[in-house]
Amino acid sequence: MTTSVLSLPHGDDAPARSFRLLSLKAPAPAADTALTRRVSSQALLNGERELVIQHQGSEYHLRLTRNDKLILTK
């Protein structure tokens, strides 16, 4: 990234209202993004079209549709 120096007008040429400068720095990545585990749907489904996930006493069904979309239902 390059840095530019701008001269601002003074006196009668100064703008009537105040303004603020914005930073061009990229935002820092969220801390939990680096810690989030990623698993491919192919690894989860293991060649099948449906997977049952048990969570807090309930069953959730992860299904692969004909259009290769994933649907999670309770």
C-alpha atoms as a PDB file:
ATOM      1  CA  MET A   1       0.000   0.000   0.000  1.00  0.00           C
ATOM      2  CA  THR A   2       1.247   3.486  -0.754  1.00  0.00           C
ATOM      3  CA  THR A   3       0.935   6.540   1.421  1.00  0.00           C
ATOM      4  CA  SER A   4      -0.025   9.931   0.003  1.00  0.00           C
ATOM      5  CA  VAL A   5       0.315  13.301   1.690  1.00  0.00           C
ATOM      6  CA  LEU A   6      -2.460  15.783   0.997  1.00  0.00           C
ATOM      7  CA  SER A   7      -2.316  19.445   1.837  1.00  0.00           C
ATOM      8  CA  LEU A   8      -5.503  20.813   3.354  1.00  0.00           C
ATOM      9  CA  PRO A   9      -6.762  24.349   2.735  1.00  0.00           C
ATOM     10  CA  HIS A  10      -6.349  26.915   5.511  1.00  0.00           C
ATOM     11  CA  GLY A  11      -8.206  30.088   6.379  1.00  0.00           C
ATOM     12  CA  ASP A  12     -10.982  31.190   4.012  1.00  0.00           C
ATOM     13  CA  ASP A  13     -10.410  28.161   1.758  1.00  0.00           C
ATOM     14  CA  ALA A  14     -11.030  25.675   4.602  1.00  0.00           C
ATOM     15  CA  PRO A  15     -14.213  23.573   4.366  1.00  0.00           C
ATOM     16  CA  ALA A  16     -17.193  24.852   6.361  1.00  0.00           C
ATOM     17  CA  ARG A  17     -17.805  21.517   8.087  1.00  0.00           C
ATOM     18  CA  SER A  18     -15.432  19.090   9.737  1.00  0.00           C
ATOM     19  CA  PHE A  19     -14.545  15.759   8.206  1.00  0.00           C
ATOM     20  CA  ARG A  20     -12.777  12.594   9.269  1.00  0.00           C
ATOM     21  CA  LEU A  21     -10.122  10.489   7.627  1.00  0.00           C
ATOM     22  CA  LEU A  22     -10.748   6.811   6.976  1.00  0.00           C
ATOM     23  CA  SER A  23      -8.097   4.138   7.380  1.00  0.00           C
ATOM     24  CA  LEU A  24      -7.192   1.986   4.397  1.00  0.00           C
ATOM     25  CA  LYS A  25      -5.927  -0.842   6.591  1.00  0.00           C
ATOM     26  CA  ALA A  26      -7.520  -4.230   6.094  1.00  0.00           C
ATOM     27  CA  PRO A  27      -9.572  -5.310   9.112  1.00  0.00           C
ATOM     28  CA  ALA A  28      -7.934  -7.884  11.353  1.00  0.00           C
ATOM     29  CA  PRO A  29      -9.458 -11.355  10.976  1.00  0.00           C
ATOM     30  CA  ALA A  30     -11.814 -12.392  13.726  1.00  0.00           C
ATOM     31  CA  ALA A  31     -10.072 -14.460  16.388  1.00  0.00           C
ATOM     32  CA  ASP A  32     -12.587 -17.317  16.201  1.00  0.00           C
ATOM     33  CA  THR A  33     -12.226 -17.635  12.407  1.00  0.00           C
ATOM     34  CA  ALA A  34      -8.774 -19.151  12.751  1.00  0.00           C
ATOM     35  CA  LEU A  35     -10.021 -21.581  15.406  1.00  0.00           C
ATOM     36  CA  THR A  36     -13.130 -22.765  13.539  1.00  0.00           C
ATOM     37  CA  ARG A  37     -12.760 -26.361  12.387  1.00  0.00           C
ATOM     38  CA  ARG A  38     -13.757 -27.028   8.790  1.00  0.00           C
ATOM     39  CA  VAL A  39     -15.041 -30.370   7.502  1.00  0.00           C
ATOM     40  CA  SER A  40     -16.045 -31.060   3.916  1.00  0.00           C
ATOM     41  CA  SER A  41     -19.571 -32.289   3.275  1.00  0.00           C
ATOM     42  CA  GLN A  42     -18.097 -35.215   1.339  1.00  0.00           C
ATOM     43  CA  ALA A  43     -16.193 -36.326   4.439  1.00  0.00           C
ATOM     44  CA  LEU A  44     -19.340 -36.026   6.572  1.00  0.00           C
ATOM     45  CA  LEU A  45     -21.685 -37.837   4.202  1.00  0.00           C
ATOM     46  CA  ASN A  46     -19.098 -40.437   3.138  1.00  0.00           C
ATOM     47  CA  GLY A  47     -20.842 -41.165  -0.174  1.00  0.00           C
ATOM     48  CA  GLU A  48     -24.338 -41.242   1.347  1.00  0.00           C
ATOM     49  CA  ARG A  49     -27.170 -38.748   0.744  1.00  0.00           C
ATOM     50  CA  GLU A  50     -28.264 -38.363   4.380  1.00  0.00           C
ATOM     51  CA  LEU A  51     -26.634 -38.110   7.792  1.00  0.00           C
ATOM     52  CA  VAL A  52     -28.347 -38.107  11.211  1.00  0.00           C
ATOM     53  CA  ILE A  53     -26.814 -35.782  13.804  1.00  0.00           C
ATOM     54  CA  GLN A  54     -27.749 -36.255  17.454  1.00  0.00           C
ATOM     55  CA  HIS A  55     -27.734 -33.037  19.469  1.00  0.00           C
ATOM     56  CA  GLN A  56     -29.107 -32.569  23.002  1.00  0.00           C
ATOM     57  CA  GLY A  57     -31.520 -35.468  22.698  1.00  0.00           C
ATOM     58  CA  SER A  58     -32.833 -34.467  19.260  1.00  0.00           C
ATOM     59  CA  GLU A  59     -32.066 -35.862  15.829  1.00  0.00           C
ATOM     60  CA  TYR A  60     -31.218 -33.594  12.906  1.00  0.00           C
ATOM     61  CA  HIS A  61     -31.067 -34.831   9.321  1.00  0.00           C
ATOM     62  CA  LEU A  62     -28.466 -33.438   6.941  1.00  0.00           C
ATOM     63  CA  ARG A  63     -29.570 -34.256   3.411  1.00  0.00           C
ATOM     64  CA  LEU A  64     -27.894 -33.776   0.042  1.00  0.00           C
ATOM     65  CA  THR A  65     -30.502 -32.768  -2.559  1.00  0.00           C
ATOM     66  CA  ARG A  66     -30.624 -33.669  -6.250  1.00  0.00           C
ATOM     67  CA  ASN A  67     -29.260 -30.176  -6.951  1.00  0.00           C
ATOM     68  CA  ASP A  68     -26.253 -30.761  -4.667  1.00  0.00           C
ATOM     69  CA  LYS A  69     -27.554 -28.441  -1.928  1.00  0.00           C
ATOM     70  CA  LEU A  70     -27.487 -29.271   1.769  1.00  0.00           C
ATOM     71  CA  ILE A  71     -30.636 -29.171   3.919  1.00  0.00           C
ATOM     72  CA  LEU A  72     -30.592 -29.567   7.698  1.00  0.00           C
ATOM     73  CA  THR A  73     -33.946 -30.459   9.284  1.00  0.00           C
ATOM     74  CA  LYS A  74     -35.055 -31.481  12.748  1.00  0.00           C
END
